[in-house]
Amino acid sequence: VQQGLEEADILPKIIATTTNIDSLDYRA
């Protein structure tokens, strides 16, 4: 599934950074 996500994913072309969190609450 991850392979398919990466092959079709154009998000890296529009996002500046990716933040990984270990909860469902995040304040940017």
mmCIF file of all heavy atoms, coordinates in Angstrom:
data_MODEL
# 
_entry.id   MODEL 
# 
loop_
_atom_site.group_PDB 
_atom_site.id 
_atom_site.type_symbol 
_atom_site.label_atom_id 
_atom_site.label_alt_id 
_atom_site.label_comp_id 
_atom_site.label_asym_id 
_atom_site.label_entity_id 
_atom_site.label_seq_id 
_atom_site.pdbx_PDB_ins_code 
_atom_site.Cartn_x 
_atom_site.Cartn_y 
_atom_site.Cartn_z 
_atom_site.occupancy 
_atom_site.B_iso_or_equiv 
_atom_site.pdbx_formal_charge 
_atom_site.auth_seq_id 
_atom_site.auth_comp_id 
_atom_site.auth_asym_id 
_atom_site.auth_atom_id 
_atom_site.pdbx_PDB_model_num 
ATOM 1   N N   . VAL A 1 1  ? 0.843  -1.205 0.000  1.00 0.00 ? 1  VAL A N   1 
ATOM 2   C CA  . VAL A 1 1  ? 0.000  0.000  0.000  1.00 0.00 ? 1  VAL A CA  1 
ATOM 3   C C   . VAL A 1 1  ? 0.875  1.250  0.000  1.00 0.00 ? 1  VAL A C   1 
ATOM 4   O O   . VAL A 1 1  ? 0.611  2.215  -0.725 1.00 0.00 ? 1  VAL A O   1 
ATOM 5   C CB  . VAL A 1 1  ? -0.961 -0.014 1.203  1.00 0.00 ? 1  VAL A CB  1 
ATOM 6   C CG1 . VAL A 1 1  ? -1.699 1.322  1.308  1.00 0.00 ? 1  VAL A CG1 1 
ATOM 7   C CG2 . VAL A 1 1  ? -1.957 -1.156 1.084  1.00 0.00 ? 1  VAL A CG2 1 
ATOM 8   N N   . GLN A 1 2  ? 1.924  1.247  0.826  1.00 0.00 ? 2  GLN A N   1 
ATOM 9   C CA  . GLN A 1 2  ? 2.845  2.384  0.889  1.00 0.00 ? 2  GLN A CA  1 
ATOM 10  C C   . GLN A 1 2  ? 3.508  2.621  -0.462 1.00 0.00 ? 2  GLN A C   1 
ATOM 11  O O   . GLN A 1 2  ? 3.693  3.765  -0.885 1.00 0.00 ? 2  GLN A O   1 
ATOM 12  C CB  . GLN A 1 2  ? 3.906  2.141  1.963  1.00 0.00 ? 2  GLN A CB  1 
ATOM 13  C CG  . GLN A 1 2  ? 4.893  3.284  2.152  1.00 0.00 ? 2  GLN A CG  1 
ATOM 14  C CD  . GLN A 1 2  ? 4.248  4.548  2.695  1.00 0.00 ? 2  GLN A CD  1 
ATOM 15  O OE1 . GLN A 1 2  ? 3.338  4.475  3.511  1.00 0.00 ? 2  GLN A OE1 1 
ATOM 16  N NE2 . GLN A 1 2  ? 4.718  5.703  2.250  1.00 0.00 ? 2  GLN A NE2 1 
ATOM 17  N N   . GLN A 1 3  ? 3.852  1.556  -1.154 1.00 0.00 ? 3  GLN A N   1 
ATOM 18  C CA  . GLN A 1 3  ? 4.444  1.683  -2.480 1.00 0.00 ? 3  GLN A CA  1 
ATOM 19  C C   . GLN A 1 3  ? 3.490  2.384  -3.433 1.00 0.00 ? 3  GLN A C   1 
ATOM 20  O O   . GLN A 1 3  ? 3.883  3.289  -4.179 1.00 0.00 ? 3  GLN A O   1 
ATOM 21  C CB  . GLN A 1 3  ? 4.803  0.303  -3.023 1.00 0.00 ? 3  GLN A CB  1 
ATOM 22  C CG  . GLN A 1 3  ? 5.476  0.334  -4.392 1.00 0.00 ? 3  GLN A CG  1 
ATOM 23  C CD  . GLN A 1 3  ? 5.746  -1.060 -4.943 1.00 0.00 ? 3  GLN A CD  1 
ATOM 24  O OE1 . GLN A 1 3  ? 5.460  -2.070 -4.312 1.00 0.00 ? 3  GLN A OE1 1 
ATOM 25  N NE2 . GLN A 1 3  ? 6.294  -1.123 -6.138 1.00 0.00 ? 3  GLN A NE2 1 
ATOM 26  N N   . GLY A 1 4  ? 2.231  1.989  -3.411 1.00 0.00 ? 4  GLY A N   1 
ATOM 27  C CA  . GLY A 1 4  ? 1.244  2.639  -4.265 1.00 0.00 ? 4  GLY A CA  1 
ATOM 28  C C   . GLY A 1 4  ? 1.025  4.086  -3.885 1.00 0.00 ? 4  GLY A C   1 
ATOM 29  O O   . GLY A 1 4  ? 0.847  4.958  -4.744 1.00 0.00 ? 4  GLY A O   1 
ATOM 30  N N   . LEU A 1 5  ? 1.057  4.363  -2.592 1.00 0.00 ? 5  LEU A N   1 
ATOM 31  C CA  . LEU A 1 5  ? 0.889  5.732  -2.112 1.00 0.00 ? 5  LEU A CA  1 
ATOM 32  C C   . LEU A 1 5  ? 2.016  6.617  -2.628 1.00 0.00 ? 5  LEU A C   1 
ATOM 33  O O   . LEU A 1 5  ? 1.787  7.731  -3.101 1.00 0.00 ? 5  LEU A O   1 
ATOM 34  C CB  . LEU A 1 5  ? 0.848  5.737  -0.582 1.00 0.00 ? 5  LEU A CB  1 
ATOM 35  C CG  . LEU A 1 5  ? 0.336  6.984  0.129  1.00 0.00 ? 5  LEU A CG  1 
ATOM 36  C CD1 . LEU A 1 5  ? -0.220 6.617  1.509  1.00 0.00 ? 5  LEU A CD1 1 
ATOM 37  C CD2 . LEU A 1 5  ? 1.440  8.015  0.304  1.00 0.00 ? 5  LEU A CD2 1 
ATOM 38  N N   . GLU A 1 6  ? 3.248  6.115  -2.557 1.00 0.00 ? 6  GLU A N   1 
ATOM 39  C CA  . GLU A 1 6  ? 4.397  6.906  -2.985 1.00 0.00 ? 6  GLU A CA  1 
ATOM 40  C C   . GLU A 1 6  ? 4.424  7.090  -4.493 1.00 0.00 ? 6  GLU A C   1 
ATOM 41  O O   . GLU A 1 6  ? 4.817  8.149  -4.991 1.00 0.00 ? 6  GLU A O   1 
ATOM 42  C CB  . GLU A 1 6  ? 5.691  6.236  -2.507 1.00 0.00 ? 6  GLU A CB  1 
ATOM 43  C CG  . GLU A 1 6  ? 5.864  6.278  -0.993 1.00 0.00 ? 6  GLU A CG  1 
ATOM 44  C CD  . GLU A 1 6  ? 7.037  5.461  -0.503 1.00 0.00 ? 6  GLU A CD  1 
ATOM 45  O OE1 . GLU A 1 6  ? 7.681  4.776  -1.346 1.00 0.00 ? 6  GLU A OE1 1 
ATOM 46  O OE2 . GLU A 1 6  ? 7.332  5.503  0.707  1.00 0.00 ? 6  GLU A OE2 1 
ATOM 47  N N   . GLU A 1 7  ? 3.997  6.061  -5.246 1.00 0.00 ? 7  GLU A N   1 
ATOM 48  C CA  . GLU A 1 7  ? 4.011  6.166  -6.702 1.00 0.00 ? 7  GLU A CA  1 
ATOM 49  C C   . GLU A 1 7  ? 3.003  7.204  -7.204 1.00 0.00 ? 7  GLU A C   1 
ATOM 50  O O   . GLU A 1 7  ? 3.248  7.872  -8.202 1.00 0.00 ? 7  GLU A O   1 
ATOM 51  C CB  . GLU A 1 7  ? 3.699  4.804  -7.325 1.00 0.00 ? 7  GLU A CB  1 
ATOM 52  C CG  . GLU A 1 7  ? 4.825  3.789  -7.176 1.00 0.00 ? 7  GLU A CG  1 
ATOM 53  C CD  . GLU A 1 7  ? 4.423  2.407  -7.651 1.00 0.00 ? 7  GLU A CD  1 
ATOM 54  O OE1 . GLU A 1 7  ? 3.217  2.206  -7.945 1.00 0.00 ? 7  GLU A OE1 1 
ATOM 55  O OE2 . GLU A 1 7  ? 5.297  1.528  -7.733 1.00 0.00 ? 7  GLU A OE2 1 
ATOM 56  N N   . ALA A 1 8  ? 1.879  7.325  -6.517 1.00 0.00 ? 8  ALA A N   1 
ATOM 57  C CA  . ALA A 1 8  ? 0.819  8.248  -6.957 1.00 0.00 ? 8  ALA A CA  1 
ATOM 58  C C   . ALA A 1 8  ? 0.862  9.573  -6.226 1.00 0.00 ? 8  ALA A C   1 
ATOM 59  O O   . ALA A 1 8  ? 0.063  10.464 -6.518 1.00 0.00 ? 8  ALA A O   1 
ATOM 60  C CB  . ALA A 1 8  ? -0.553 7.594  -6.752 1.00 0.00 ? 8  ALA A CB  1 
ATOM 61  N N   . ASP A 1 9  ? 1.776  9.722  -5.289 1.00 0.00 ? 9  ASP A N   1 
ATOM 62  C CA  . ASP A 1 9  ? 1.748  10.862 -4.383 1.00 0.00 ? 9  ASP A CA  1 
ATOM 63  C C   . ASP A 1 9  ? 2.454  12.072 -4.983 1.00 0.00 ? 9  ASP A C   1 
ATOM 64  O O   . ASP A 1 9  ? 3.642  12.002 -5.323 1.00 0.00 ? 9  ASP A O   1 
ATOM 65  C CB  . ASP A 1 9  ? 2.420  10.472 -3.063 1.00 0.00 ? 9  ASP A CB  1 
ATOM 66  C CG  . ASP A 1 9  ? 2.158  11.482 -1.959 1.00 0.00 ? 9  ASP A CG  1 
ATOM 67  O OD1 . ASP A 1 9  ? 1.337  12.396 -2.175 1.00 0.00 ? 9  ASP A OD1 1 
ATOM 68  O OD2 . ASP A 1 9  ? 2.761  11.356 -0.879 1.00 0.00 ? 9  ASP A OD2 1 
ATOM 69  N N   . ILE A 1 10 ? 1.740  13.186 -5.135 1.00 0.00 ? 10 ILE A N   1 
ATOM 70  C CA  . ILE A 1 10 ? 2.368  14.441 -5.544 1.00 0.00 ? 10 ILE A CA  1 
ATOM 71  C C   . ILE A 1 10 ? 2.458  15.413 -4.375 1.00 0.00 ? 10 ILE A C   1 
ATOM 72  O O   . ILE A 1 10 ? 2.883  16.559 -4.555 1.00 0.00 ? 10 ILE A O   1 
ATOM 73  C CB  . ILE A 1 10 ? 1.616  15.082 -6.728 1.00 0.00 ? 10 ILE A CB  1 
ATOM 74  C CG1 . ILE A 1 10 ? 0.174  15.443 -6.341 1.00 0.00 ? 10 ILE A CG1 1 
ATOM 75  C CG2 . ILE A 1 10 ? 1.624  14.181 -7.947 1.00 0.00 ? 10 ILE A CG2 1 
ATOM 76  C CD1 . ILE A 1 10 ? -0.564 16.205 -7.436 1.00 0.00 ? 10 ILE A CD1 1 
ATOM 77  N N   . LEU A 1 11 ? 2.083  14.942 -3.180 1.00 0.00 ? 11 LEU A N   1 
ATOM 78  C CA  . LEU A 1 11 ? 2.175  15.811 -2.011 1.00 0.00 ? 11 LEU A CA  1 
ATOM 79  C C   . LEU A 1 11 ? 3.584  16.350 -1.764 1.00 0.00 ? 11 LEU A C   1 
ATOM 80  O O   . LEU A 1 11 ? 3.740  17.513 -1.383 1.00 0.00 ? 11 LEU A O   1 
ATOM 81  C CB  . LEU A 1 11 ? 1.683  15.064 -0.761 1.00 0.00 ? 11 LEU A CB  1 
ATOM 82  C CG  . LEU A 1 11 ? 0.173  15.054 -0.533 1.00 0.00 ? 11 LEU A CG  1 
ATOM 83  C CD1 . LEU A 1 11 ? -0.174 14.180 0.671  1.00 0.00 ? 11 LEU A CD1 1 
ATOM 84  C CD2 . LEU A 1 11 ? -0.368 16.452 -0.339 1.00 0.00 ? 11 LEU A CD2 1 
ATOM 85  N N   . PRO A 1 12 ? 4.645  15.526 -1.944 1.00 0.00 ? 12 PRO A N   1 
ATOM 86  C CA  . PRO A 1 12 ? 5.982  16.079 -1.729 1.00 0.00 ? 12 PRO A CA  1 
ATOM 87  C C   . PRO A 1 12 ? 6.293  17.299 -2.578 1.00 0.00 ? 12 PRO A C   1 
ATOM 88  O O   . PRO A 1 12 ? 7.201  18.067 -2.256 1.00 0.00 ? 12 PRO A O   1 
ATOM 89  C CB  . PRO A 1 12 ? 6.901  14.897 -2.090 1.00 0.00 ? 12 PRO A CB  1 
ATOM 90  C CG  . PRO A 1 12 ? 6.094  13.689 -1.802 1.00 0.00 ? 12 PRO A CG  1 
ATOM 91  C CD  . PRO A 1 12 ? 4.697  14.076 -2.223 1.00 0.00 ? 12 PRO A CD  1 
ATOM 92  N N   . LYS A 1 13 ? 5.525  17.489 -3.655 1.00 0.00 ? 13 LYS A N   1 
ATOM 93  C CA  . LYS A 1 13 ? 5.756  18.634 -4.534 1.00 0.00 ? 13 LYS A CA  1 
ATOM 94  C C   . LYS A 1 13 ? 5.050  19.891 -4.045 1.00 0.00 ? 13 LYS A C   1 
ATOM 95  O O   . LYS A 1 13 ? 5.239  20.971 -4.633 1.00 0.00 ? 13 LYS A O   1 
ATOM 96  C CB  . LYS A 1 13 ? 5.298  18.301 -5.954 1.00 0.00 ? 13 LYS A CB  1 
ATOM 97  C CG  . LYS A 1 13 ? 6.076  17.145 -6.566 1.00 0.00 ? 13 LYS A CG  1 
ATOM 98  C CD  . LYS A 1 13 ? 5.592  16.813 -7.954 1.00 0.00 ? 13 LYS A CD  1 
ATOM 99  C CE  . LYS A 1 13 ? 6.379  15.656 -8.551 1.00 0.00 ? 13 LYS A CE  1 
ATOM 100 N NZ  . LYS A 1 13 ? 5.931  15.313 -9.925 1.00 0.00 ? 13 LYS A NZ  1 
ATOM 101 N N   . ILE A 1 14 ? 4.196  19.760 -2.992 1.00 0.00 ? 14 ILE A N   1 
ATOM 102 C CA  . ILE A 1 14 ? 3.506  20.955 -2.506 1.00 0.00 ? 14 ILE A CA  1 
ATOM 103 C C   . ILE A 1 14 ? 3.716  21.211 -1.021 1.00 0.00 ? 14 ILE A C   1 
ATOM 104 O O   . ILE A 1 14 ? 3.328  22.268 -0.526 1.00 0.00 ? 14 ILE A O   1 
ATOM 105 C CB  . ILE A 1 14 ? 1.987  20.900 -2.797 1.00 0.00 ? 14 ILE A CB  1 
ATOM 106 C CG1 . ILE A 1 14 ? 1.300  19.849 -1.943 1.00 0.00 ? 14 ILE A CG1 1 
ATOM 107 C CG2 . ILE A 1 14 ? 1.717  20.674 -4.265 1.00 0.00 ? 14 ILE A CG2 1 
ATOM 108 C CD1 . ILE A 1 14 ? -0.218 19.912 -2.030 1.00 0.00 ? 14 ILE A CD1 1 
ATOM 109 N N   . ILE A 1 15 ? 4.305  20.274 -0.290 1.00 0.00 ? 15 ILE A N   1 
ATOM 110 C CA  . ILE A 1 15 ? 4.498  20.494 1.151  1.00 0.00 ? 15 ILE A CA  1 
ATOM 111 C C   . ILE A 1 15 ? 5.950  20.854 1.456  1.00 0.00 ? 15 ILE A C   1 
ATOM 112 O O   . ILE A 1 15 ? 6.874  20.411 0.774  1.00 0.00 ? 15 ILE A O   1 
ATOM 113 C CB  . ILE A 1 15 ? 4.079  19.265 1.983  1.00 0.00 ? 15 ILE A CB  1 
ATOM 114 C CG1 . ILE A 1 15 ? 4.902  18.041 1.609  1.00 0.00 ? 15 ILE A CG1 1 
ATOM 115 C CG2 . ILE A 1 15 ? 2.596  18.994 1.825  1.00 0.00 ? 15 ILE A CG2 1 
ATOM 116 C CD1 . ILE A 1 15 ? 4.635  16.850 2.503  1.00 0.00 ? 15 ILE A CD1 1 
ATOM 117 N N   . ALA A 1 16 ? 6.123  21.679 2.479  1.00 0.00 ? 16 ALA A N   1 
ATOM 118 C CA  . ALA A 1 16 ? 7.459  22.124 2.870  1.00 0.00 ? 16 ALA A CA  1 
ATOM 119 C C   . ALA A 1 16 ? 8.127  21.147 3.822  1.00 0.00 ? 16 ALA A C   1 
ATOM 120 O O   . ALA A 1 16 ? 9.348  20.969 3.790  1.00 0.00 ? 16 ALA A O   1 
ATOM 121 C CB  . ALA A 1 16 ? 7.375  23.508 3.524  1.00 0.00 ? 16 ALA A CB  1 
ATOM 122 N N   . THR A 1 17 ? 7.337  20.504 4.675  1.00 0.00 ? 17 THR A N   1 
ATOM 123 C CA  . THR A 1 17 ? 7.918  19.605 5.672  1.00 0.00 ? 17 THR A CA  1 
ATOM 124 C C   . THR A 1 17 ? 6.859  18.621 6.152  1.00 0.00 ? 17 THR A C   1 
ATOM 125 O O   . THR A 1 17 ? 5.654  18.896 6.049  1.00 0.00 ? 17 THR A O   1 
ATOM 126 C CB  . THR A 1 17 ? 8.467  20.402 6.878  1.00 0.00 ? 17 THR A CB  1 
ATOM 127 O OG1 . THR A 1 17 ? 9.109  19.519 7.799  1.00 0.00 ? 17 THR A OG1 1 
ATOM 128 C CG2 . THR A 1 17 ? 7.355  21.143 7.613  1.00 0.00 ? 17 THR A CG2 1 
ATOM 129 N N   . THR A 1 18 ? 7.314  17.483 6.657  1.00 0.00 ? 18 THR A N   1 
ATOM 130 C CA  . THR A 1 18 ? 6.426  16.472 7.228  1.00 0.00 ? 18 THR A CA  1 
ATOM 131 C C   . THR A 1 18 ? 6.783  16.278 8.695  1.00 0.00 ? 18 THR A C   1 
ATOM 132 O O   . THR A 1 18 ? 7.951  16.076 9.036  1.00 0.00 ? 18 THR A O   1 
ATOM 133 C CB  . THR A 1 18 ? 6.553  15.130 6.490  1.00 0.00 ? 18 THR A CB  1 
ATOM 134 O OG1 . THR A 1 18 ? 6.170  15.300 5.131  1.00 0.00 ? 18 THR A OG1 1 
ATOM 135 C CG2 . THR A 1 18 ? 5.657  14.070 7.132  1.00 0.00 ? 18 THR A CG2 1 
ATOM 136 N N   . THR A 1 19 ? 5.788  16.360 9.560  1.00 0.00 ? 19 THR A N   1 
ATOM 137 C CA  . THR A 1 19 ? 5.982  16.178 10.995 1.00 0.00 ? 19 THR A CA  1 
ATOM 138 C C   . THR A 1 19 ? 5.311  14.880 11.431 1.00 0.00 ? 19 THR A C   1 
ATOM 139 O O   . THR A 1 19 ? 4.125  14.684 11.175 1.00 0.00 ? 19 THR A O   1 
ATOM 140 C CB  . THR A 1 19 ? 5.382  17.354 11.788 1.00 0.00 ? 19 THR A CB  1 
ATOM 141 O OG1 . THR A 1 19 ? 6.003  18.571 11.362 1.00 0.00 ? 19 THR A OG1 1 
ATOM 142 C CG2 . THR A 1 19 ? 5.599  17.174 13.285 1.00 0.00 ? 19 THR A CG2 1 
ATOM 143 N N   . ASN A 1 20 ? 6.073  13.995 12.062 1.00 0.00 ? 20 ASN A N   1 
ATOM 144 C CA  . ASN A 1 20 ? 5.531  12.744 12.584 1.00 0.00 ? 20 ASN A CA  1 
ATOM 145 C C   . ASN A 1 20 ? 5.220  12.902 14.063 1.00 0.00 ? 20 ASN A C   1 
ATOM 146 O O   . ASN A 1 20 ? 6.071  13.369 14.833 1.00 0.00 ? 20 ASN A O   1 
ATOM 147 C CB  . ASN A 1 20 ? 6.528  11.599 12.378 1.00 0.00 ? 20 ASN A CB  1 
ATOM 148 C CG  . ASN A 1 20 ? 6.701  11.239 10.916 1.00 0.00 ? 20 ASN A CG  1 
ATOM 149 O OD1 . ASN A 1 20 ? 5.834  10.647 10.302 1.00 0.00 ? 20 ASN A OD1 1 
ATOM 150 N ND2 . ASN A 1 20 ? 7.839  11.624 10.334 1.00 0.00 ? 20 ASN A ND2 1 
ATOM 151 N N   . ILE A 1 21 ? 4.009  12.533 14.452 1.00 0.00 ? 21 ILE A N   1 
ATOM 152 C CA  . ILE A 1 21 ? 3.600  12.646 15.842 1.00 0.00 ? 21 ILE A CA  1 
ATOM 153 C C   . ILE A 1 21 ? 3.097  11.294 16.330 1.00 0.00 ? 21 ILE A C   1 
ATOM 154 O O   . ILE A 1 21 ? 2.790  10.410 15.535 1.00 0.00 ? 21 ILE A O   1 
ATOM 155 C CB  . ILE A 1 21 ? 2.507  13.719 16.036 1.00 0.00 ? 21 ILE A CB  1 
ATOM 156 C CG1 . ILE A 1 21 ? 1.250  13.345 15.212 1.00 0.00 ? 21 ILE A CG1 1 
ATOM 157 C CG2 . ILE A 1 21 ? 3.016  15.087 15.625 1.00 0.00 ? 21 ILE A CG2 1 
ATOM 158 C CD1 . ILE A 1 21 ? 0.079  14.280 15.441 1.00 0.00 ? 21 ILE A CD1 1 
ATOM 159 N N   . ASP A 1 22 ? 3.021  11.146 17.651 1.00 0.00 ? 22 ASP A N   1 
ATOM 160 C CA  . ASP A 1 22 ? 2.539  9.885  18.223 1.00 0.00 ? 22 ASP A CA  1 
ATOM 161 C C   . ASP A 1 22 ? 1.254  10.084 19.020 1.00 0.00 ? 22 ASP A C   1 
ATOM 162 O O   . ASP A 1 22 ? 0.963  9.362  19.961 1.00 0.00 ? 22 ASP A O   1 
ATOM 163 C CB  . ASP A 1 22 ? 3.614  9.237  19.112 1.00 0.00 ? 22 ASP A CB  1 
ATOM 164 C CG  . ASP A 1 22 ? 4.103  10.168 20.213 1.00 0.00 ? 22 ASP A CG  1 
ATOM 165 O OD1 . ASP A 1 22 ? 3.526  11.269 20.366 1.00 0.00 ? 22 ASP A OD1 1 
ATOM 166 O OD2 . ASP A 1 22 ? 5.046  9.786  20.927 1.00 0.00 ? 22 ASP A OD2 1 
ATOM 167 N N   . SER A 1 23 ? 0.498  11.117 18.634 1.00 0.00 ? 23 SER A N   1 
ATOM 168 C CA  . SER A 1 23 ? -0.796 11.372 19.272 1.00 0.00 ? 23 SER A CA  1 
ATOM 169 C C   . SER A 1 23 ? -1.736 11.917 18.201 1.00 0.00 ? 23 SER A C   1 
ATOM 170 O O   . SER A 1 23 ? -1.336 12.128 17.059 1.00 0.00 ? 23 SER A O   1 
ATOM 171 C CB  . SER A 1 23 ? -0.658 12.373 20.418 1.00 0.00 ? 23 SER A CB  1 
ATOM 172 O OG  . SER A 1 23 ? -0.356 13.664 19.920 1.00 0.00 ? 23 SER A OG  1 
ATOM 173 N N   . LEU A 1 24 ? -2.977 12.166 18.581 1.00 0.00 ? 24 LEU A N   1 
ATOM 174 C CA  . LEU A 1 24 ? -3.945 12.712 17.632 1.00 0.00 ? 24 LEU A CA  1 
ATOM 175 C C   . LEU A 1 24 ? -4.160 14.205 17.828 1.00 0.00 ? 24 LEU A C   1 
ATOM 176 O O   . LEU A 1 24 ? -5.009 14.806 17.170 1.00 0.00 ? 24 LEU A O   1 
ATOM 177 C CB  . LEU A 1 24 ? -5.275 11.966 17.760 1.00 0.00 ? 24 LEU A CB  1 
ATOM 178 C CG  . LEU A 1 24 ? -5.226 10.476 17.395 1.00 0.00 ? 24 LEU A CG  1 
ATOM 179 C CD1 . LEU A 1 24 ? -6.611 9.851  17.540 1.00 0.00 ? 24 LEU A CD1 1 
ATOM 180 C CD2 . LEU A 1 24 ? -4.715 10.275 15.983 1.00 0.00 ? 24 LEU A CD2 1 
ATOM 181 N N   . ASP A 1 25 ? -3.403 14.820 18.746 1.00 0.00 ? 25 ASP A N   1 
ATOM 182 C CA  . ASP A 1 25 ? -3.506 16.254 19.002 1.00 0.00 ? 25 ASP A CA  1 
ATOM 183 C C   . ASP A 1 25 ? -2.206 16.937 18.585 1.00 0.00 ? 25 ASP A C   1 
ATOM 184 O O   . ASP A 1 25 ? -1.124 16.549 19.025 1.00 0.00 ? 25 ASP A O   1 
ATOM 185 C CB  . ASP A 1 25 ? -3.773 16.533 20.488 1.00 0.00 ? 25 ASP A CB  1 
ATOM 186 C CG  . ASP A 1 25 ? -5.158 16.057 20.914 1.00 0.00 ? 25 ASP A CG  1 
ATOM 187 O OD1 . ASP A 1 25 ? -6.038 15.993 20.049 1.00 0.00 ? 25 ASP A OD1 1 
ATOM 188 O OD2 . ASP A 1 25 ? -5.331 15.737 22.105 1.00 0.00 ? 25 ASP A OD2 1 
ATOM 189 N N   . TYR A 1 26 ? -2.321 17.957 17.739 1.00 0.00 ? 26 TYR A N   1 
ATOM 190 C CA  . TYR A 1 26 ? -1.134 18.682 17.288 1.00 0.00 ? 26 TYR A CA  1 
ATOM 191 C C   . TYR A 1 26 ? -1.509 20.127 17.014 1.00 0.00 ? 26 TYR A C   1 
ATOM 192 O O   . TYR A 1 26 ? -2.469 20.409 16.306 1.00 0.00 ? 26 TYR A O   1 
ATOM 193 C CB  . TYR A 1 26 ? -0.556 18.045 16.026 1.00 0.00 ? 26 TYR A CB  1 
ATOM 194 C CG  . TYR A 1 26 ? 0.668  18.755 15.502 1.00 0.00 ? 26 TYR A CG  1 
ATOM 195 C CD1 . TYR A 1 26 ? 1.908  18.579 16.098 1.00 0.00 ? 26 TYR A CD1 1 
ATOM 196 C CD2 . TYR A 1 26 ? 0.582  19.613 14.394 1.00 0.00 ? 26 TYR A CD2 1 
ATOM 197 C CE1 . TYR A 1 26 ? 3.030  19.233 15.615 1.00 0.00 ? 26 TYR A CE1 1 
ATOM 198 C CE2 . TYR A 1 26 ? 1.696  20.261 13.903 1.00 0.00 ? 26 TYR A CE2 1 
ATOM 199 C CZ  . TYR A 1 26 ? 2.922  20.066 14.516 1.00 0.00 ? 26 TYR A CZ  1 
ATOM 200 O OH  . TYR A 1 26 ? 4.036  20.714 14.036 1.00 0.00 ? 26 TYR A OH  1 
ATOM 201 N N   . ARG A 1 27 ? -0.738 21.030 17.579 1.00 0.00 ? 27 ARG A N   1 
ATOM 202 C CA  . ARG A 1 27 ? -0.968 22.449 17.369 1.00 0.00 ? 27 ARG A CA  1 
ATOM 203 C C   . ARG A 1 27 ? 0.216  23.013 16.591 1.00 0.00 ? 27 ARG A C   1 
ATOM 204 O O   . ARG A 1 27 ? 1.343  23.035 17.076 1.00 0.00 ? 27 ARG A O   1 
ATOM 205 C CB  . ARG A 1 27 ? -1.126 23.174 18.721 1.00 0.00 ? 27 ARG A CB  1 
ATOM 206 C CG  . ARG A 1 27 ? -1.809 24.532 18.605 1.00 0.00 ? 27 ARG A CG  1 
ATOM 207 C CD  . ARG A 1 27 ? -1.980 25.168 19.982 1.00 0.00 ? 27 ARG A CD  1 
ATOM 208 N NE  . ARG A 1 27 ? -2.846 24.387 20.850 1.00 0.00 ? 27 ARG A NE  1 
ATOM 209 C CZ  . ARG A 1 27 ? -4.160 24.473 20.864 1.00 0.00 ? 27 ARG A CZ  1 
ATOM 210 N NH1 . ARG A 1 27 ? -4.765 25.308 20.042 1.00 0.00 ? 27 ARG A NH1 1 
ATOM 211 N NH2 . ARG A 1 27 ? -4.872 23.752 21.703 1.00 0.00 ? 27 ARG A NH2 1 
ATOM 212 N N   . ALA A 1 28 ? -0.032 23.435 15.360 1.00 0.00 ? 28 ALA A N   1 
ATOM 213 C CA  . ALA A 1 28 ? 1.029  23.892 14.479 1.00 0.00 ? 28 ALA A CA  1 
ATOM 214 C C   . ALA A 1 28 ? 1.386  25.349 14.751 1.00 0.00 ? 28 ALA A C   1 
ATOM 215 O O   . ALA A 1 28 ? 0.727  26.044 15.529 1.00 0.00 ? 28 ALA A O   1 
ATOM 216 C CB  . ALA A 1 28 ? 0.592  23.728 13.025 1.00 0.00 ? 28 ALA A CB  1 
# 
